[in-house]
């Protein structure tokens, strides 16, 4: 079962925060995608609110996060990003549903 994290970030009002967060997220995605057992590491910016960003981290399983957390880059992420945020990161943990088989939807 694929283990997925979604993280919502909201930039503060400082004029440089959006550009700095955007650059850091792109850099992070390019690094984290190479981690063992990472399926993908996607970064997005809201189309209506440029201060709102989302990260989608997809791992082979929950224990795969270990490789992500052991990456030396991980220790640089929060110290850089947190001061640029208006509020705390909203992190959610998910297990992706298996969509490979037909299902019968109850009436």
N, C-alpha and C. Protein backbone atom coordinates (compact mmCIF):
# COMPACT_ATOMS: atom_id res chain seq x y z
N UNK A 1 0.85 -1.18 0.00
CA UNK A 1 0.00 0.00 0.00
C UNK A 1 0.89 1.24 0.00
N UNK A 2 0.63 2.15 -0.89
CA UNK A 2 1.42 3.38 -0.98
C UNK A 2 1.08 4.29 0.19
N UNK A 3 2.12 4.77 0.84
CA UNK A 3 1.97 5.67 1.98
C UNK A 3 2.24 7.09 1.49
N UNK A 4 1.31 7.99 1.76
CA UNK A 4 1.40 9.35 1.21
C UNK A 4 1.24 10.39 2.31
N UNK A 5 2.08 11.40 2.23
CA UNK A 5 1.95 12.56 3.11
C UNK A 5 1.55 13.75 2.25
N UNK A 6 0.64 14.55 2.76
CA UNK A 6 0.36 15.84 2.13
C UNK A 6 0.68 16.90 3.17
N UNK A 7 1.37 17.93 2.72
CA UNK A 7 1.77 19.01 3.61
C UNK A 7 1.32 20.32 2.97
N UNK A 8 0.55 21.10 3.71
CA UNK A 8 0.09 22.39 3.23
C UNK A 8 0.89 23.48 3.93
N UNK A 9 1.41 24.41 3.15
CA UNK A 9 2.22 25.51 3.67
C UNK A 9 1.59 26.82 3.21
N UNK A 10 1.68 27.84 4.06
CA UNK A 10 1.12 29.14 3.71
C UNK A 10 2.16 30.22 4.01
N UNK A 11 2.62 30.88 2.97
CA UNK A 11 3.68 31.89 3.09
C UNK A 11 3.21 33.10 3.88
N UNK A 12 4.14 33.71 4.60
CA UNK A 12 3.82 34.96 5.29
C UNK A 12 3.78 36.11 4.27
N UNK A 13 3.52 37.30 4.72
CA UNK A 13 3.32 38.44 3.82
C UNK A 13 4.61 39.12 3.36
N UNK A 14 5.75 38.67 3.84
CA UNK A 14 7.02 39.29 3.43
C UNK A 14 7.16 39.15 1.91
N UNK A 15 7.56 40.21 1.22
CA UNK A 15 7.62 40.20 -0.25
C UNK A 15 8.46 39.07 -0.87
N UNK A 16 9.49 38.61 -0.18
CA UNK A 16 10.35 37.56 -0.75
C UNK A 16 9.93 36.14 -0.40
N UNK A 17 8.99 35.98 0.51
CA UNK A 17 8.67 34.64 1.02
C UNK A 17 8.17 33.68 -0.04
N UNK A 18 7.30 34.13 -0.91
CA UNK A 18 6.75 33.23 -1.93
C UNK A 18 7.87 32.70 -2.83
N UNK A 19 8.71 33.57 -3.33
CA UNK A 19 9.79 33.16 -4.23
C UNK A 19 10.76 32.22 -3.51
N UNK A 20 11.06 32.51 -2.25
CA UNK A 20 12.00 31.69 -1.49
C UNK A 20 11.42 30.30 -1.22
N UNK A 21 10.14 30.24 -0.84
CA UNK A 21 9.50 28.94 -0.61
C UNK A 21 9.45 28.14 -1.91
N UNK A 22 9.05 28.79 -2.96
CA UNK A 22 8.94 28.12 -4.26
C UNK A 22 10.29 27.50 -4.66
N UNK A 23 11.36 28.25 -4.55
CA UNK A 23 12.69 27.76 -4.90
C UNK A 23 13.11 26.59 -4.00
N UNK A 24 12.84 26.70 -2.71
CA UNK A 24 13.23 25.64 -1.77
C UNK A 24 12.43 24.36 -2.06
N UNK A 25 11.15 24.50 -2.38
CA UNK A 25 10.33 23.32 -2.68
C UNK A 25 10.81 22.62 -3.95
N UNK A 26 11.16 23.39 -4.96
CA UNK A 26 11.67 22.79 -6.20
C UNK A 26 12.98 22.07 -5.93
N UNK A 27 13.87 22.72 -5.19
CA UNK A 27 15.15 22.09 -4.83
C UNK A 27 14.90 20.80 -4.05
N UNK A 28 14.01 20.85 -3.06
CA UNK A 28 13.71 19.68 -2.23
C UNK A 28 13.15 18.53 -3.06
N UNK A 29 12.24 18.83 -3.96
CA UNK A 29 11.65 17.79 -4.80
C UNK A 29 12.72 17.08 -5.63
N UNK A 30 13.63 17.85 -6.19
CA UNK A 30 14.69 17.28 -7.02
C UNK A 30 15.63 16.39 -6.21
N UNK A 31 15.80 16.70 -4.95
CA UNK A 31 16.65 15.89 -4.06
C UNK A 31 15.89 14.68 -3.54
N UNK A 32 14.71 14.90 -2.99
CA UNK A 32 13.97 13.82 -2.34
C UNK A 32 13.46 12.75 -3.30
N UNK A 33 13.22 13.10 -4.54
CA UNK A 33 12.77 12.09 -5.50
C UNK A 33 13.80 10.96 -5.66
N UNK A 34 15.04 11.23 -5.32
CA UNK A 34 16.11 10.25 -5.47
C UNK A 34 16.24 9.33 -4.25
N UNK A 35 15.51 9.63 -3.16
CA UNK A 35 15.60 8.80 -1.96
C UNK A 35 15.07 7.40 -2.23
N UNK A 36 15.72 6.43 -1.62
CA UNK A 36 15.30 5.03 -1.72
C UNK A 36 13.84 4.90 -1.25
N UNK A 37 13.06 4.11 -1.98
CA UNK A 37 11.65 3.82 -1.68
C UNK A 37 10.73 5.04 -1.75
N UNK A 38 11.21 6.12 -2.36
CA UNK A 38 10.33 7.27 -2.61
C UNK A 38 9.78 7.11 -4.02
N UNK A 39 8.46 7.08 -4.14
CA UNK A 39 7.81 6.96 -5.44
C UNK A 39 7.83 8.30 -6.14
N UNK A 40 7.48 9.34 -5.41
CA UNK A 40 7.53 10.70 -5.97
C UNK A 40 7.44 11.71 -4.84
N UNK A 41 7.84 12.92 -5.15
CA UNK A 41 7.82 14.02 -4.18
C UNK A 41 7.39 15.24 -4.99
N UNK A 42 6.11 15.57 -4.92
CA UNK A 42 5.51 16.61 -5.77
C UNK A 42 5.30 17.90 -5.00
N UNK A 43 5.50 19.02 -5.67
CA UNK A 43 5.27 20.33 -5.05
C UNK A 43 4.34 21.14 -5.94
N UNK A 44 3.43 21.87 -5.31
CA UNK A 44 2.42 22.61 -6.04
C UNK A 44 2.17 23.97 -5.41
N UNK A 45 1.71 24.90 -6.25
CA UNK A 45 1.31 26.23 -5.77
C UNK A 45 -0.14 26.44 -6.18
N UNK A 46 -0.94 26.95 -5.27
CA UNK A 46 -2.36 27.18 -5.52
C UNK A 46 -2.55 28.16 -6.68
N UNK A 47 -3.50 27.87 -7.55
CA UNK A 47 -3.73 28.74 -8.72
C UNK A 47 -4.46 30.03 -8.37
N UNK A 48 -5.13 30.06 -7.22
CA UNK A 48 -5.87 31.26 -6.82
C UNK A 48 -5.19 32.05 -5.70
N UNK A 49 -4.35 31.40 -4.94
CA UNK A 49 -3.68 32.05 -3.82
C UNK A 49 -2.18 31.71 -3.88
N UNK A 50 -1.36 32.60 -4.39
CA UNK A 50 0.07 32.30 -4.57
C UNK A 50 0.83 32.05 -3.26
N UNK A 51 0.22 32.37 -2.13
CA UNK A 51 0.87 32.12 -0.84
C UNK A 51 0.68 30.68 -0.37
N UNK A 52 -0.20 29.93 -1.01
CA UNK A 52 -0.53 28.57 -0.59
C UNK A 52 0.20 27.53 -1.44
N UNK A 53 0.87 26.61 -0.75
CA UNK A 53 1.64 25.55 -1.41
C UNK A 53 1.23 24.20 -0.83
N UNK A 54 1.43 23.13 -1.62
CA UNK A 54 1.18 21.77 -1.15
C UNK A 54 2.34 20.89 -1.59
N UNK A 55 2.74 20.01 -0.70
CA UNK A 55 3.72 18.97 -0.99
C UNK A 55 2.99 17.64 -0.91
N UNK A 56 3.21 16.76 -1.88
CA UNK A 56 2.68 15.40 -1.85
C UNK A 56 3.89 14.46 -1.89
N UNK A 57 4.08 13.73 -0.80
CA UNK A 57 5.20 12.81 -0.68
C UNK A 57 4.66 11.39 -0.77
N UNK A 58 5.12 10.63 -1.76
CA UNK A 58 4.62 9.26 -1.96
C UNK A 58 5.75 8.26 -1.72
N UNK A 59 5.50 7.33 -0.79
CA UNK A 59 6.49 6.33 -0.41
C UNK A 59 5.94 4.92 -0.64
N UNK A 60 6.85 3.96 -0.84
CA UNK A 60 6.42 2.58 -1.04
C UNK A 60 5.62 2.06 0.15
N UNK A 61 6.01 2.45 1.36
CA UNK A 61 5.27 2.08 2.56
C UNK A 61 5.65 3.05 3.68
N UNK A 62 5.00 2.95 4.81
CA UNK A 62 5.22 3.91 5.89
C UNK A 62 6.68 3.92 6.35
N UNK A 63 7.29 2.76 6.42
CA UNK A 63 8.68 2.69 6.90
C UNK A 63 9.67 3.32 5.91
N UNK A 64 9.25 3.57 4.69
CA UNK A 64 10.13 4.20 3.69
C UNK A 64 10.51 5.62 4.09
N UNK A 65 9.73 6.24 4.95
CA UNK A 65 10.05 7.60 5.42
C UNK A 65 11.42 7.66 6.06
N UNK A 66 11.88 6.53 6.56
CA UNK A 66 13.17 6.47 7.24
C UNK A 66 14.28 7.01 6.33
N UNK A 67 14.25 6.67 5.05
CA UNK A 67 15.28 7.13 4.12
C UNK A 67 15.16 8.64 3.89
N UNK A 68 13.95 9.11 3.86
CA UNK A 68 13.69 10.54 3.70
C UNK A 68 14.25 11.31 4.90
N UNK A 69 13.96 10.82 6.09
CA UNK A 69 14.39 11.50 7.31
C UNK A 69 15.90 11.38 7.54
N UNK A 70 16.52 10.38 6.95
CA UNK A 70 17.97 10.20 7.07
C UNK A 70 18.74 11.03 6.03
N UNK A 71 18.04 11.58 5.07
CA UNK A 71 18.69 12.40 4.05
C UNK A 71 19.23 13.66 4.74
N UNK A 72 20.52 13.98 4.59
CA UNK A 72 21.08 15.16 5.25
C UNK A 72 20.36 16.47 4.87
N UNK A 73 19.75 16.51 3.71
CA UNK A 73 19.04 17.70 3.26
C UNK A 73 17.86 18.01 4.18
N UNK A 74 17.25 16.96 4.76
CA UNK A 74 16.05 17.11 5.60
C UNK A 74 16.30 18.11 6.73
N UNK A 75 17.50 18.11 7.29
CA UNK A 75 17.81 19.01 8.41
C UNK A 75 17.87 20.47 7.99
N UNK A 76 17.95 20.75 6.70
CA UNK A 76 18.02 22.13 6.21
C UNK A 76 16.64 22.69 5.88
N UNK A 77 15.66 21.80 5.69
CA UNK A 77 14.37 22.22 5.16
C UNK A 77 13.58 23.10 6.14
N UNK A 78 13.25 22.57 7.30
CA UNK A 78 12.44 23.34 8.27
C UNK A 78 13.10 24.65 8.70
N UNK A 79 14.40 24.64 9.03
CA UNK A 79 15.01 25.91 9.44
C UNK A 79 14.91 27.00 8.37
N UNK A 80 14.89 26.61 7.11
CA UNK A 80 14.77 27.59 6.04
C UNK A 80 13.32 28.01 5.83
N UNK A 81 12.40 27.03 5.79
CA UNK A 81 11.00 27.29 5.41
C UNK A 81 10.15 27.86 6.54
N UNK A 82 10.27 27.34 7.74
CA UNK A 82 9.38 27.74 8.84
C UNK A 82 9.33 29.25 9.06
N UNK A 83 10.46 29.97 9.04
CA UNK A 83 10.38 31.43 9.23
C UNK A 83 9.65 32.17 8.11
N UNK A 84 9.44 31.50 6.98
CA UNK A 84 8.76 32.11 5.84
C UNK A 84 7.26 31.87 5.85
N UNK A 85 6.77 31.14 6.85
CA UNK A 85 5.36 30.75 6.89
C UNK A 85 4.53 31.65 7.79
N UNK A 86 3.25 31.78 7.41
CA UNK A 86 2.29 32.55 8.19
C UNK A 86 1.68 31.71 9.32
N UNK A 87 1.65 30.38 9.10
CA UNK A 87 1.10 29.46 10.11
C UNK A 87 1.85 28.13 10.01
N UNK A 88 1.62 27.27 10.98
CA UNK A 88 2.29 25.97 11.01
C UNK A 88 1.94 25.15 9.77
N UNK A 89 2.88 24.29 9.37
CA UNK A 89 2.60 23.36 8.28
C UNK A 89 1.49 22.41 8.71
N UNK A 90 0.60 22.10 7.79
CA UNK A 90 -0.49 21.17 8.04
C UNK A 90 -0.12 19.85 7.37
N UNK A 91 0.33 18.86 8.15
CA UNK A 91 0.79 17.58 7.62
C UNK A 91 -0.28 16.53 7.85
N UNK A 92 -0.59 15.79 6.79
CA UNK A 92 -1.59 14.72 6.87
C UNK A 92 -0.99 13.43 6.32
N UNK A 93 -1.32 12.32 6.95
CA UNK A 93 -0.79 11.01 6.56
C UNK A 93 -1.91 10.17 5.96
N UNK A 94 -1.60 9.50 4.84
CA UNK A 94 -2.62 8.73 4.12
C UNK A 94 -2.07 7.39 3.64
N UNK A 95 -2.96 6.43 3.48
CA UNK A 95 -2.66 5.23 2.73
C UNK A 95 -3.53 5.30 1.48
N UNK A 96 -2.89 5.20 0.32
CA UNK A 96 -3.65 5.29 -0.92
C UNK A 96 -4.54 4.06 -1.07
N UNK A 97 -5.73 4.29 -1.60
CA UNK A 97 -6.67 3.20 -1.83
C UNK A 97 -6.24 2.42 -3.06
N UNK A 98 -6.51 1.11 -3.04
CA UNK A 98 -6.17 0.25 -4.17
C UNK A 98 -7.24 0.41 -5.25
N UNK A 99 -6.86 1.02 -6.36
CA UNK A 99 -7.82 1.25 -7.46
C UNK A 99 -7.56 0.29 -8.62
N UNK A 100 -6.80 -0.77 -8.40
CA UNK A 100 -6.44 -1.69 -9.48
C UNK A 100 -7.54 -2.71 -9.80
N UNK A 101 -8.55 -2.81 -8.93
CA UNK A 101 -9.61 -3.80 -9.14
C UNK A 101 -10.96 -3.11 -9.21
N UNK A 102 -11.87 -3.73 -9.93
CA UNK A 102 -13.24 -3.24 -9.98
C UNK A 102 -13.88 -3.35 -8.59
N UNK A 103 -14.78 -2.46 -8.32
CA UNK A 103 -15.52 -2.52 -7.05
C UNK A 103 -17.00 -2.38 -7.34
N UNK A 104 -17.79 -2.86 -6.42
CA UNK A 104 -19.24 -2.72 -6.51
C UNK A 104 -19.63 -1.62 -5.52
N UNK A 105 -20.18 -0.54 -6.00
CA UNK A 105 -20.56 0.57 -5.15
C UNK A 105 -21.95 0.29 -4.59
N UNK A 106 -22.09 0.28 -3.25
CA UNK A 106 -23.40 0.03 -2.64
C UNK A 106 -24.42 1.11 -3.02
N UNK A 107 -25.63 0.68 -3.15
CA UNK A 107 -26.73 1.61 -3.49
C UNK A 107 -27.25 2.24 -2.24
